[in-house]
């Protein structure tokens, strides 16, 4: 129905040709905008009903005191199902440190949280298919797991700002939660307003970039430089291009859709998505508030290498 609506607006109402660059780009923009925001509202509302009892304090409580392997598993799982993005990284980092959670586990959470979430998975499945969604999630879990272990091996405690160790957050009692259907409904609606209000502009920008890519970038160019002809530098180039960009996993999906539609290799596209979602410059600047530059450089380097390896691996396998 979204394709039909876009065709009605672009081809019938506006009279643009299906074969023109503007017609193709605008059709992509209208269809993806309506589809993605429809899915956003529905998925965020449903997950809000289920997540009404979740909070950063509960996340810390789940992870505290567990064996390293179990703590890392819980951290990555919670990172994938909680709505915390890079803007929440500073208080969560402080909270995890204060709770005695190993920093390697904390870094696994910081990698998984912005990169993997149920909204992105549903959008990926709905737009690109479940196979692509499962590939992205599997790669994200591996990167979060291995990245946290590598960071822990370098003893990152020495790079944490001194004030973080001095903060005593205490054990504040969580606010009473309204467990009734009406209370959960209010929470879910508030989640929709808060999350959509925070990310809508980045989603629209991502759709616009994807539409421009879809309509105006020649397919032959994409196949030649981003395809599967053995261009080893395509994956590192995609990672480097993604670092200055700012978008969450939801906002970058339309760009990935356009890239794949034009013939870009799967691994190159995955590496680009991960770079934008988990290694963006704004997130690094936020993390700088709690991690000194050497630790931040190591964190960025570990992720960049991991994303390149993921991209190369999937390009070989697909």
C-alpha atoms as a PDB file:
ATOM      1  CA  UNK A   1       0.000   0.000   0.000  1.00  0.00           C
ATOM      2  CA  UNK A   2       2.964   2.313   0.542  1.00  0.00           C
ATOM      3  CA  UNK A   3       4.166   1.729  -2.999  1.00  0.00           C
ATOM      4  CA  UNK A   4       0.641   2.438  -4.281  1.00  0.00           C
ATOM      5  CA  UNK A   5       0.419   5.649  -2.243  1.00  0.00           C
ATOM      6  CA  UNK A   6       3.806   6.868  -3.498  1.00  0.00           C
ATOM      7  CA  UNK A   7       2.838   6.092  -7.103  1.00  0.00           C
ATOM      8  CA  UNK A   8      -0.440   7.983  -6.650  1.00  0.00           C
ATOM      9  CA  UNK A   9       1.353  11.063  -5.343  1.00  0.00           C
ATOM     10  CA  UNK A  10       4.400  11.106  -7.602  1.00  0.00           C
ATOM     11  CA  UNK A  11       3.291   9.609 -10.907  1.00  0.00           C
ATOM     12  CA  UNK A  12      -0.409  10.433 -11.045  1.00  0.00           C
ATOM     13  CA  UNK A  13      -0.787  13.618  -9.011  1.00  0.00           C
ATOM     14  CA  UNK A  14       2.545  15.276  -9.810  1.00  0.00           C
ATOM     15  CA  UNK A  15       2.808  13.709 -13.255  1.00  0.00           C
ATOM     16  CA  UNK A  16       6.486  12.715 -12.998  1.00  0.00           C
ATOM     17  CA  UNK A  17       7.760   9.903 -15.180  1.00  0.00           C
ATOM     18  CA  UNK A  18       8.725   6.565 -13.657  1.00  0.00           C
ATOM     19  CA  UNK A  19      11.853   6.555 -15.829  1.00  0.00           C
ATOM     20  CA  UNK A  20      13.081   9.997 -14.744  1.00  0.00           C
ATOM     21  CA  UNK A  21      15.653  10.502 -11.994  1.00  0.00           C
ATOM     22  CA  UNK A  22      13.397  12.936 -10.126  1.00  0.00           C
ATOM     23  CA  UNK A  23      10.402  10.616 -10.403  1.00  0.00           C
ATOM     24  CA  UNK A  24      12.369   7.616  -9.137  1.00  0.00           C
ATOM     25  CA  UNK A  25      13.949   9.598  -6.286  1.00  0.00           C
ATOM     26  CA  UNK A  26      10.690  11.198  -5.137  1.00  0.00           C
ATOM     27  CA  UNK A  27       8.825   7.885  -5.305  1.00  0.00           C
ATOM     28  CA  UNK A  28      11.524   6.329  -3.095  1.00  0.00           C
ATOM     29  CA  UNK A  29      11.274   9.248  -0.650  1.00  0.00           C
ATOM     30  CA  UNK A  30       7.471   9.190  -0.333  1.00  0.00           C
ATOM     31  CA  UNK A  31       7.233   5.407  -0.058  1.00  0.00           C
ATOM     32  CA  UNK A  32      10.024   5.026   2.499  1.00  0.00           C
ATOM     33  CA  UNK A  33       8.872   8.006   4.578  1.00  0.00           C
ATOM     34  CA  UNK A  34       5.346   6.636   4.991  1.00  0.00           C
ATOM     35  CA  UNK A  35       6.541   3.055   5.495  1.00  0.00           C
ATOM     36  CA  UNK A  36       9.285   3.814   8.013  1.00  0.00           C
ATOM     37  CA  UNK A  37       7.263   6.209  10.158  1.00  0.00           C
ATOM     38  CA  UNK A  38       4.321   3.795  10.170  1.00  0.00           C
ATOM     39  CA  UNK A  39       6.617   1.002  11.373  1.00  0.00           C
ATOM     40  CA  UNK A  40       8.339   3.322  13.849  1.00  0.00           C
ATOM     41  CA  UNK A  41       5.103   4.280  15.576  1.00  0.00           C
ATOM     42  CA  UNK A  42       3.763   0.718  15.692  1.00  0.00           C
ATOM     43  CA  UNK A  43       6.983  -0.951  16.841  1.00  0.00           C
ATOM     44  CA  UNK A  44       7.884   1.700  19.433  1.00  0.00           C
ATOM     45  CA  UNK A  45       4.369   1.589  20.888  1.00  0.00           C
ATOM     46  CA  UNK A  46       4.308  -2.220  21.146  1.00  0.00           C
ATOM     47  CA  UNK A  47       7.793  -2.357  22.643  1.00  0.00           C
ATOM     48  CA  UNK A  48       6.852   0.477  24.990  1.00  0.00           C
ATOM     49  CA  UNK A  49       4.048  -1.677  26.398  1.00  0.00           C
ATOM     50  CA  UNK A  50       6.537  -4.468  27.037  1.00  0.00           C
ATOM     51  CA  UNK A  51       9.289  -2.161  28.288  1.00  0.00           C
ATOM     52  CA  UNK A  52       7.262  -0.136  30.771  1.00  0.00           C
ATOM     53  CA  UNK A  53       9.254  -1.566  33.675  1.00  0.00           C
ATOM     54  CA  UNK A  54      12.693  -1.090  32.080  1.00  0.00           C
ATOM     55  CA  UNK A  55      15.069   1.670  33.205  1.00  0.00           C
ATOM     56  CA  UNK A  56      18.822   2.356  33.219  1.00  0.00           C
ATOM     57  CA  UNK A  57      18.882   1.462  36.922  1.00  0.00           C
ATOM     58  CA  UNK A  58      17.394  -1.944  36.179  1.00  0.00           C
ATOM     59  CA  UNK A  59      19.901  -2.473  33.389  1.00  0.00           C
ATOM     60  CA  UNK A  60      22.710  -1.928  35.889  1.00  0.00           C
ATOM     61  CA  UNK A  61      21.056  -4.251  38.384  1.00  0.00           C
ATOM     62  CA  UNK A  62      20.780  -7.052  35.819  1.00  0.00           C
ATOM     63  CA  UNK A  63      24.478  -6.881  34.922  1.00  0.00           C
ATOM     64  CA  UNK A  64      25.976  -6.246  38.385  1.00  0.00           C
ATOM     65  CA  UNK A  65      27.911  -9.096  39.995  1.00  0.00           C
ATOM     66  CA  UNK A  66      27.506 -11.605  37.161  1.00  0.00           C
ATOM     67  CA  UNK A  67      30.412 -13.756  35.808  1.00  0.00           C
ATOM     68  CA  UNK A  68      32.193 -11.985  32.916  1.00  0.00           C
ATOM     69  CA  UNK A  69      30.750 -14.186  30.157  1.00  0.00           C
ATOM     70  CA  UNK A  70      27.223 -13.889  31.538  1.00  0.00           C
ATOM     71  CA  UNK A  71      27.597 -10.150  32.230  1.00  0.00           C
ATOM     72  CA  UNK A  72      28.750  -9.594  28.634  1.00  0.00           C
ATOM     73  CA  UNK A  73      25.865 -11.655  27.259  1.00  0.00           C
ATOM     74  CA  UNK A  74      23.370  -9.698  29.363  1.00  0.00           C
ATOM     75  CA  UNK A  75      24.983  -6.365  28.432  1.00  0.00           C
ATOM     76  CA  UNK A  76      24.773  -7.090  24.703  1.00  0.00           C
ATOM     77  CA  UNK A  77      21.219  -8.422  24.990  1.00  0.00           C
ATOM     78  CA  UNK A  78      20.089  -5.415  27.015  1.00  0.00           C
ATOM     79  CA  UNK A  79      21.901  -3.117  24.589  1.00  0.00           C
ATOM     80  CA  UNK A  80      19.858  -4.633  21.783  1.00  0.00           C
ATOM     81  CA  UNK A  81      16.439  -4.326  23.433  1.00  0.00           C
ATOM     82  CA  UNK A  82      16.750  -1.014  25.278  1.00  0.00           C
ATOM     83  CA  UNK A  83      16.125   2.384  23.674  1.00  0.00           C
ATOM     84  CA  UNK A  84      19.359   3.960  24.899  1.00  0.00           C
ATOM     85  CA  UNK A  85      21.379   5.713  22.201  1.00  0.00           C
ATOM     86  CA  UNK A  86      24.708   7.553  22.269  1.00  0.00           C
ATOM     87  CA  UNK A  87      23.116  10.448  24.182  1.00  0.00           C
ATOM     88  CA  UNK A  88      22.653   8.064  27.133  1.00  0.00           C
ATOM     89  CA  UNK A  89      26.207   6.743  27.056  1.00  0.00           C
ATOM     90  CA  UNK A  90      27.682   9.104  29.661  1.00  0.00           C
ATOM     91  CA  UNK A  91      25.249   8.421  32.541  1.00  0.00           C
ATOM     92  CA  UNK A  92      25.166   4.723  31.695  1.00  0.00           C
ATOM     93  CA  UNK A  93      28.968   4.547  31.600  1.00  0.00           C
ATOM     94  CA  UNK A  94      29.158   6.240  35.007  1.00  0.00           C
ATOM     95  CA  UNK A  95      26.448   3.971  36.359  1.00  0.00           C
ATOM     96  CA  UNK A  96      28.160   0.807  35.147  1.00  0.00           C
ATOM     97  CA  UNK A  97      31.510   1.915  36.607  1.00  0.00           C
ATOM     98  CA  UNK A  98      29.914   2.769  39.950  1.00  0.00           C
ATOM     99  CA  UNK A  99      28.160  -0.609  39.988  1.00  0.00           C
ATOM    100  CA  UNK A 100      31.468  -2.433  39.572  1.00  0.00           C
ATOM    101  CA  UNK A 101      30.720  -3.761  36.080  1.00  0.00           C
ATOM    102  CA  UNK A 102      34.007  -4.530  34.206  1.00  0.00           C
ATOM    103  CA  UNK A 103      34.816  -1.901  31.604  1.00  0.00           C
ATOM    104  CA  UNK A 104      35.092  -4.517  28.870  1.00  0.00           C
ATOM    105  CA  UNK A 105      31.462  -5.446  29.523  1.00  0.00           C
ATOM    106  CA  UNK A 106      30.498  -1.773  29.537  1.00  0.00           C
ATOM    107  CA  UNK A 107      32.151  -1.280  26.147  1.00  0.00           C
ATOM    108  CA  UNK A 108      30.216  -4.271  24.792  1.00  0.00           C
ATOM    109  CA  UNK A 109      27.016  -2.527  25.883  1.00  0.00           C
ATOM    110  CA  UNK A 110      28.127   0.767  24.329  1.00  0.00           C
ATOM    111  CA  UNK A 111      28.782  -0.986  21.013  1.00  0.00           C
ATOM    112  CA  UNK A 112      25.545  -2.971  20.949  1.00  0.00           C
ATOM    113  CA  UNK A 113      23.166  -0.285  22.208  1.00  0.00           C
ATOM    114  CA  UNK A 114      23.230   2.196  19.295  1.00  0.00           C
ATOM    115  CA  UNK A 115      23.875  -0.447  16.628  1.00  0.00           C
ATOM    116  CA  UNK A 116      21.320  -3.145  17.440  1.00  0.00           C
ATOM    117  CA  UNK A 117      17.727  -2.485  18.446  1.00  0.00           C
ATOM    118  CA  UNK A 118      14.364  -4.048  17.754  1.00  0.00           C
ATOM    119  CA  UNK A 119      13.185  -1.044  15.721  1.00  0.00           C
ATOM    120  CA  UNK A 120      16.081  -1.348  13.286  1.00  0.00           C
ATOM    121  CA  UNK A 121      15.599  -5.123  13.053  1.00  0.00           C
ATOM    122  CA  UNK A 122      11.915  -4.804  12.160  1.00  0.00           C
ATOM    123  CA  UNK A 123      12.620  -2.043   9.637  1.00  0.00           C
ATOM    124  CA  UNK A 124      15.446  -4.043   8.075  1.00  0.00           C
ATOM    125  CA  UNK A 125      13.247  -7.119   7.839  1.00  0.00           C
ATOM    126  CA  UNK A 126      10.334  -5.157   6.410  1.00  0.00           C
ATOM    127  CA  UNK A 127      12.401  -3.288   3.824  1.00  0.00           C
ATOM    128  CA  UNK A 128      15.333  -5.569   3.010  1.00  0.00           C
ATOM    129  CA  UNK A 129      14.129  -8.962   4.241  1.00  0.00           C
ATOM    130  CA  UNK A 130      14.784 -11.122   7.289  1.00  0.00           C
ATOM    131  CA  UNK A 131      17.996 -12.518   5.830  1.00  0.00           C
ATOM    132  CA  UNK A 132      19.594  -9.062   5.777  1.00  0.00           C
ATOM    133  CA  UNK A 133      18.238  -8.279   9.251  1.00  0.00           C
ATOM    134  CA  UNK A 134      19.670 -11.479  10.743  1.00  0.00           C
ATOM    135  CA  UNK A 135      23.036 -10.869   9.052  1.00  0.00           C
ATOM    136  CA  UNK A 136      23.201  -7.371  10.532  1.00  0.00           C
ATOM    137  CA  UNK A 137      22.242  -8.530  14.033  1.00  0.00           C
ATOM    138  CA  UNK A 138      24.681 -11.459  13.974  1.00  0.00           C
ATOM    139  CA  UNK A 139      27.521  -9.214  12.846  1.00  0.00           C
ATOM    140  CA  UNK A 140      26.618  -6.622  15.492  1.00  0.00           C
ATOM    141  CA  UNK A 141      26.603  -9.209  18.283  1.00  0.00           C
ATOM    142  CA  UNK A 142      30.015 -10.557  17.228  1.00  0.00           C
ATOM    143  CA  UNK A 143      31.488  -7.050  17.029  1.00  0.00           C
ATOM    144  CA  UNK A 144      30.084  -6.109  20.457  1.00  0.00           C
ATOM    145  CA  UNK A 145      31.349  -9.334  22.049  1.00  0.00           C
ATOM    146  CA  UNK A 146      34.847  -9.316  20.541  1.00  0.00           C
ATOM    147  CA  UNK A 147      35.211  -5.523  20.770  1.00  0.00           C
ATOM    148  CA  UNK A 148      34.528  -5.570  24.511  1.00  0.00           C
ATOM    149  CA  UNK A 149      37.073  -8.349  25.069  1.00  0.00           C
ATOM    150  CA  UNK A 150      39.741  -6.510  23.064  1.00  0.00           C
ATOM    151  CA  UNK A 151      39.101  -3.279  24.958  1.00  0.00           C
ATOM    152  CA  UNK A 152      39.372  -5.105  28.298  1.00  0.00           C
ATOM    153  CA  UNK A 153      42.754  -6.558  27.278  1.00  0.00           C
ATOM    154  CA  UNK A 154      44.204  -3.033  27.053  1.00  0.00           C
ATOM    155  CA  UNK A 155      43.192  -2.177  30.661  1.00  0.00           C
ATOM    156  CA  UNK A 156      40.933   0.756  29.731  1.00  0.00           C
ATOM    157  CA  UNK A 157      40.476   1.770  33.387  1.00  0.00           C
ATOM    158  CA  UNK A 158      43.569   3.972  33.090  1.00  0.00           C
ATOM    159  CA  UNK A 159      41.843   6.125  30.467  1.00  0.00           C
ATOM    160  CA  UNK A 160      38.644   6.821  32.396  1.00  0.00           C
ATOM    161  CA  UNK A 161      38.401  10.419  33.630  1.00  0.00           C
ATOM    162  CA  UNK A 162      39.157  10.756  37.333  1.00  0.00           C
ATOM    163  CA  UNK A 163      35.830  12.352  38.200  1.00  0.00           C
ATOM    164  CA  UNK A 164      34.005   9.208  37.063  1.00  0.00           C
ATOM    165  CA  UNK A 165      35.660   7.120  39.756  1.00  0.00           C
ATOM    166  CA  UNK A 166      34.774   9.701  42.413  1.00  0.00           C
ATOM    167  CA  UNK A 167      31.069   9.826  41.623  1.00  0.00           C
ATOM    168  CA  UNK A 168      28.897   7.951  44.040  1.00  0.00           C
ATOM    169  CA  UNK A 169      25.527   7.549  42.415  1.00  0.00           C
ATOM    170  CA  UNK A 170      24.043   5.680  45.353  1.00  0.00           C
ATOM    171  CA  UNK A 171      21.204   3.224  45.260  1.00  0.00           C
ATOM    172  CA  UNK A 172      18.247   5.450  44.587  1.00  0.00           C
ATOM    173  CA  UNK A 173      14.886   3.822  44.870  1.00  0.00           C
ATOM    174  CA  UNK A 174      13.145   3.558  41.503  1.00  0.00           C
ATOM    175  CA  UNK A 175       9.982   5.579  41.144  1.00  0.00           C
ATOM    176  CA  UNK A 176       6.741   3.633  41.576  1.00  0.00           C
ATOM    177  CA  UNK A 177       5.584   2.161  38.275  1.00  0.00           C
ATOM    178  CA  UNK A 178       1.961   2.095  37.193  1.00  0.00           C
ATOM    179  CA  UNK A 179       1.512  -1.516  36.058  1.00  0.00           C
ATOM    180  CA  UNK A 180      -2.074  -1.062  34.891  1.00  0.00           C
ATOM    181  CA  UNK A 181      -3.005  -1.149  31.223  1.00  0.00           C
ATOM    182  CA  UNK A 182      -3.692   2.589  31.318  1.00  0.00           C
ATOM    183  CA  UNK A 183      -0.276   3.270  32.852  1.00  0.00           C
ATOM    184  CA  UNK A 184       1.547   1.119  30.311  1.00  0.00           C
ATOM    185  CA  UNK A 185      -0.419   2.752  27.502  1.00  0.00           C
ATOM    186  CA  UNK A 186       0.635   6.209  28.724  1.00  0.00           C
ATOM    187  CA  UNK A 187       4.248   5.024  28.913  1.00  0.00           C
ATOM    188  CA  UNK A 188       4.127   3.544  25.392  1.00  0.00           C
ATOM    189  CA  UNK A 189       2.627   6.723  23.909  1.00  0.00           C
ATOM    190  CA  UNK A 190       5.281   8.784  25.694  1.00  0.00           C
ATOM    191  CA  UNK A 191       7.951   6.481  24.230  1.00  0.00           C
ATOM    192  CA  UNK A 192       6.579   7.067  20.719  1.00  0.00           C
ATOM    193  CA  UNK A 193       6.581  10.842  21.198  1.00  0.00           C
ATOM    194  CA  UNK A 194      10.040  10.924  22.781  1.00  0.00           C
ATOM    195  CA  UNK A 195      11.856   8.566  20.402  1.00  0.00           C
ATOM    196  CA  UNK A 196      10.184   9.711  17.186  1.00  0.00           C
ATOM    197  CA  UNK A 197      10.616  13.331  18.265  1.00  0.00           C
ATOM    198  CA  UNK A 198      14.315  12.719  18.824  1.00  0.00           C
ATOM    199  CA  UNK A 199      15.111  10.865  15.605  1.00  0.00           C
ATOM    200  CA  UNK A 200      12.582  11.997  12.987  1.00  0.00           C
ATOM    201  CA  UNK A 201      14.867  14.558  11.369  1.00  0.00           C
ATOM    202  CA  UNK A 202      17.689  12.038  11.060  1.00  0.00           C
ATOM    203  CA  UNK A 203      15.283   9.526   9.543  1.00  0.00           C
ATOM    204  CA  UNK A 204      14.081  12.090   6.994  1.00  0.00           C
ATOM    205  CA  UNK A 205      17.681  13.036   6.167  1.00  0.00           C
ATOM    206  CA  UNK A 206      18.553   9.365   5.740  1.00  0.00           C
ATOM    207  CA  UNK A 207      15.558   8.808   3.460  1.00  0.00           C
ATOM    208  CA  UNK A 208      16.465  11.912   1.429  1.00  0.00           C
ATOM    209  CA  UNK A 209      20.045  10.693   0.990  1.00  0.00           C
ATOM    210  CA  UNK A 210      18.788   7.259   0.033  1.00  0.00           C
ATOM    211  CA  UNK A 211      16.321   8.774  -2.441  1.00  0.00           C
ATOM    212  CA  UNK A 212      19.037  10.885  -4.063  1.00  0.00           C
ATOM    213  CA  UNK A 213      21.295   7.843  -4.254  1.00  0.00           C
ATOM    214  CA  UNK A 214      18.466   5.747  -5.710  1.00  0.00           C
ATOM    215  CA  UNK A 215      17.442   8.295  -8.310  1.00  0.00           C
ATOM    216  CA  UNK A 216      20.647  10.005  -9.404  1.00  0.00           C
ATOM    217  CA  UNK A 217      23.625   7.682  -8.815  1.00  0.00           C
ATOM    218  CA  UNK A 218      24.183   5.478 -11.882  1.00  0.00           C
ATOM    219  CA  UNK A 219      23.914   1.771 -11.223  1.00  0.00           C
ATOM    220  CA  UNK A 220      27.054   1.097 -13.254  1.00  0.00           C
ATOM    221  CA  UNK A 221      29.080   3.376 -10.962  1.00  0.00           C
ATOM    222  CA  UNK A 222      27.861   1.575  -7.841  1.00  0.00           C
ATOM    223  CA  UNK A 223      28.538  -1.849  -9.354  1.00  0.00           C
ATOM    224  CA  UNK A 224      32.035  -0.785 -10.416  1.00  0.00           C
ATOM    225  CA  UNK A 225      33.186   0.848  -7.178  1.00  0.00           C
ATOM    226  CA  UNK A 226      30.998  -0.682  -4.450  1.00  0.00           C
ATOM    227  CA  UNK A 227      30.128  -4.010  -6.011  1.00  0.00           C
ATOM    228  CA  UNK A 228      31.783  -7.389  -5.823  1.00  0.00           C
ATOM    229  CA  UNK A 229      34.597  -6.942  -8.329  1.00  0.00           C
ATOM    230  CA  UNK A 230      37.289  -7.381  -5.677  1.00  0.00           C
ATOM    231  CA  UNK A 231      37.675  -3.721  -4.731  1.00  0.00           C
ATOM    232  CA  UNK A 232      39.292  -4.348  -1.337  1.00  0.00           C
ATOM    233  CA  UNK A 233      39.300  -0.635  -0.557  1.00  0.00           C
ATOM    234  CA  UNK A 234      35.516  -0.282  -0.941  1.00  0.00           C
ATOM    235  CA  UNK A 235      34.819  -1.561   2.602  1.00  0.00           C
ATOM    236  CA  UNK A 236      37.428   0.607   4.398  1.00  0.00           C
ATOM    237  CA  UNK A 237      36.222   3.537   2.303  1.00  0.00           C
ATOM    238  CA  UNK A 238      32.614   2.917   3.356  1.00  0.00           C
ATOM    239  CA  UNK A 239      33.662   2.818   7.038  1.00  0.00           C
ATOM    240  CA  UNK A 240      35.627   6.066   6.742  1.00  0.00           C
ATOM    241  CA  UNK A 241      32.724   7.781   4.981  1.00  0.00           C
ATOM    242  CA  UNK A 242      30.332   6.654   7.720  1.00  0.00           C
ATOM    243  CA  UNK A 243      32.327   8.025  10.666  1.00  0.00           C
ATOM    244  CA  UNK A 244      31.575  11.766  10.128  1.00  0.00           C
ATOM    245  CA  UNK A 245      27.895  11.039   9.511  1.00  0.00           C
ATOM    246  CA  UNK A 246      25.354  11.039  12.315  1.00  0.00           C
ATOM    247  CA  UNK A 247      22.331   8.769  12.228  1.00  0.00           C
ATOM    248  CA  UNK A 248      21.010   5.901  14.256  1.00  0.00           C
ATOM    249  CA  UNK A 249      20.447   2.424  12.863  1.00  0.00           C
ATOM    250  CA  UNK A 250      16.924   3.427  11.827  1.00  0.00           C
ATOM    251  CA  UNK A 251      17.955   6.494   9.853  1.00  0.00           C
ATOM    252  CA  UNK A 252      20.670   4.717   7.874  1.00  0.00           C
ATOM    253  CA  UNK A 253      18.421   1.882   6.638  1.00  0.00           C
ATOM    254  CA  UNK A 254      17.014   3.856   3.640  1.00  0.00           C
ATOM    255  CA  UNK A 255      20.551   4.633   2.491  1.00  0.00           C
ATOM    256  CA  UNK A 256      21.474   0.958   2.765  1.00  0.00           C
ATOM    257  CA  UNK A 257      18.329   0.060   0.819  1.00  0.00           C
ATOM    258  CA  UNK A 258      19.333   2.407  -1.992  1.00  0.00           C
ATOM    259  CA  UNK A 259      22.910   1.121  -2.016  1.00  0.00           C
ATOM    260  CA  UNK A 260      21.820  -2.511  -2.274  1.00  0.00           C
ATOM    261  CA  UNK A 261      19.227  -1.630  -4.903  1.00  0.00           C
ATOM    262  CA  UNK A 262      21.945  -0.126  -7.071  1.00  0.00           C
ATOM    263  CA  UNK A 263      24.224  -3.144  -6.761  1.00  0.00           C
ATOM    264  CA  UNK A 264      26.468  -2.362  -3.784  1.00  0.00           C
ATOM    265  CA  UNK A 265      27.973  -5.430  -2.135  1.00  0.00           C
ATOM    266  CA  UNK A 266      26.274  -6.711   1.032  1.00  0.00           C
ATOM    267  CA  UNK A 267      29.430  -6.548   3.156  1.00  0.00           C
ATOM    268  CA  UNK A 268      30.224  -2.999   2.053  1.00  0.00           C
ATOM    269  CA  UNK A 269      26.689  -1.927   2.930  1.00  0.00           C
ATOM    270  CA  UNK A 270      26.794  -3.628   6.349  1.00  0.00           C
ATOM    271  CA  UNK A 271      30.134  -2.009   7.182  1.00  0.00           C
ATOM    272  CA  UNK A 272      28.758   1.404   6.226  1.00  0.00           C
ATOM    273  CA  UNK A 273      25.630   0.915   8.361  1.00  0.00           C
ATOM    274  CA  UNK A 274      27.655  -0.130  11.397  1.00  0.00           C
ATOM    275  CA  UNK A 275      30.093   2.738  11.017  1.00  0.00           C
ATOM    276  CA  UNK A 276      27.310   5.319  10.947  1.00  0.00           C
ATOM    277  CA  UNK A 277      25.331   3.734  13.799  1.00  0.00           C
ATOM    278  CA  UNK A 278      28.124   2.894  16.265  1.00  0.00           C
ATOM    279  CA  UNK A 279      31.160   4.956  15.268  1.00  0.00           C
ATOM    280  CA  UNK A 280      29.742   8.367  14.465  1.00  0.00           C
ATOM    281  CA  UNK A 281      31.762  11.463  15.347  1.00  0.00           C
ATOM    282  CA  UNK A 282      29.051  12.935  17.639  1.00  0.00           C
ATOM    283  CA  UNK A 283      28.992   9.746  19.705  1.00  0.00           C
ATOM    284  CA  UNK A 284      32.771   9.818  20.064  1.00  0.00           C
ATOM    285  CA  UNK A 285      32.612  13.435  21.237  1.00  0.00           C
ATOM    286  CA  UNK A 286      30.002  12.471  23.837  1.00  0.00           C
ATOM    287  CA  UNK A 287      32.128   9.572  25.061  1.00  0.00           C
ATOM    288  CA  UNK A 288      35.102  11.942  25.367  1.00  0.00           C
ATOM    289  CA  UNK A 289      33.433  13.316  28.500  1.00  0.00           C
ATOM    290  CA  UNK A 290      34.281  10.108  30.338  1.00  0.00           C
ATOM    291  CA  UNK A 291      37.152   8.561  28.336  1.00  0.00           C
ATOM    292  CA  UNK A 292      40.500  10.206  27.577  1.00  0.00           C
ATOM    293  CA  UNK A 293      41.713  10.496  23.993  1.00  0.00           C
ATOM    294  CA  UNK A 294      43.983   7.376  24.001  1.00  0.00           C
ATOM    295  CA  UNK A 295      41.096   5.186  25.134  1.00  0.00           C
ATOM    296  CA  UNK A 296      38.733   6.829  22.690  1.00  0.00           C
ATOM    297  CA  UNK A 297      41.201   6.313  19.831  1.00  0.00           C
ATOM    298  CA  UNK A 298      41.545   2.641  20.759  1.00  0.00           C
ATOM    299  CA  UNK A 299      37.753   2.250  20.914  1.00  0.00           C
ATOM    300  CA  UNK A 300      37.338   3.837  17.465  1.00  0.00           C
ATOM    301  CA  UNK A 301      40.213   1.789  16.040  1.00  0.00           C
ATOM    302  CA  UNK A 302      38.875  -1.514  17.350  1.00  0.00           C
ATOM    303  CA  UNK A 303      35.426  -0.811  15.894  1.00  0.00           C
ATOM    304  CA  UNK A 304      36.788   0.381  12.549  1.00  0.00           C
ATOM    305  CA  UNK A 305      38.914  -2.765  12.138  1.00  0.00           C
ATOM    306  CA  UNK A 306      35.978  -4.966  13.198  1.00  0.00           C
ATOM    307  CA  UNK A 307      33.623  -3.327  10.699  1.00  0.00           C
ATOM    308  CA  UNK A 308      36.145  -3.705   7.875  1.00  0.00           C
ATOM    309  CA  UNK A 309      36.613  -7.395   8.697  1.00  0.00           C
ATOM    310  CA  UNK A 310      32.835  -7.897   8.812  1.00  0.00           C
ATOM    311  CA  UNK A 311      32.456  -6.211   5.447  1.00  0.00           C
ATOM    312  CA  UNK A 312      35.211  -8.218   3.790  1.00  0.00           C
ATOM    313  CA  UNK A 313      33.846 -11.472   5.271  1.00  0.00           C
ATOM    314  CA  UNK A 314      30.303 -10.912   4.011  1.00  0.00           C
ATOM    315  CA  UNK A 315      31.558  -9.832   0.591  1.00  0.00           C
ATOM    316  CA  UNK A 316      33.376 -13.161   0.337  1.00  0.00           C
ATOM    317  CA  UNK A 317      30.420 -15.199   1.553  1.00  0.00           C
ATOM    318  CA  UNK A 318      27.628 -13.514  -0.445  1.00  0.00           C
END
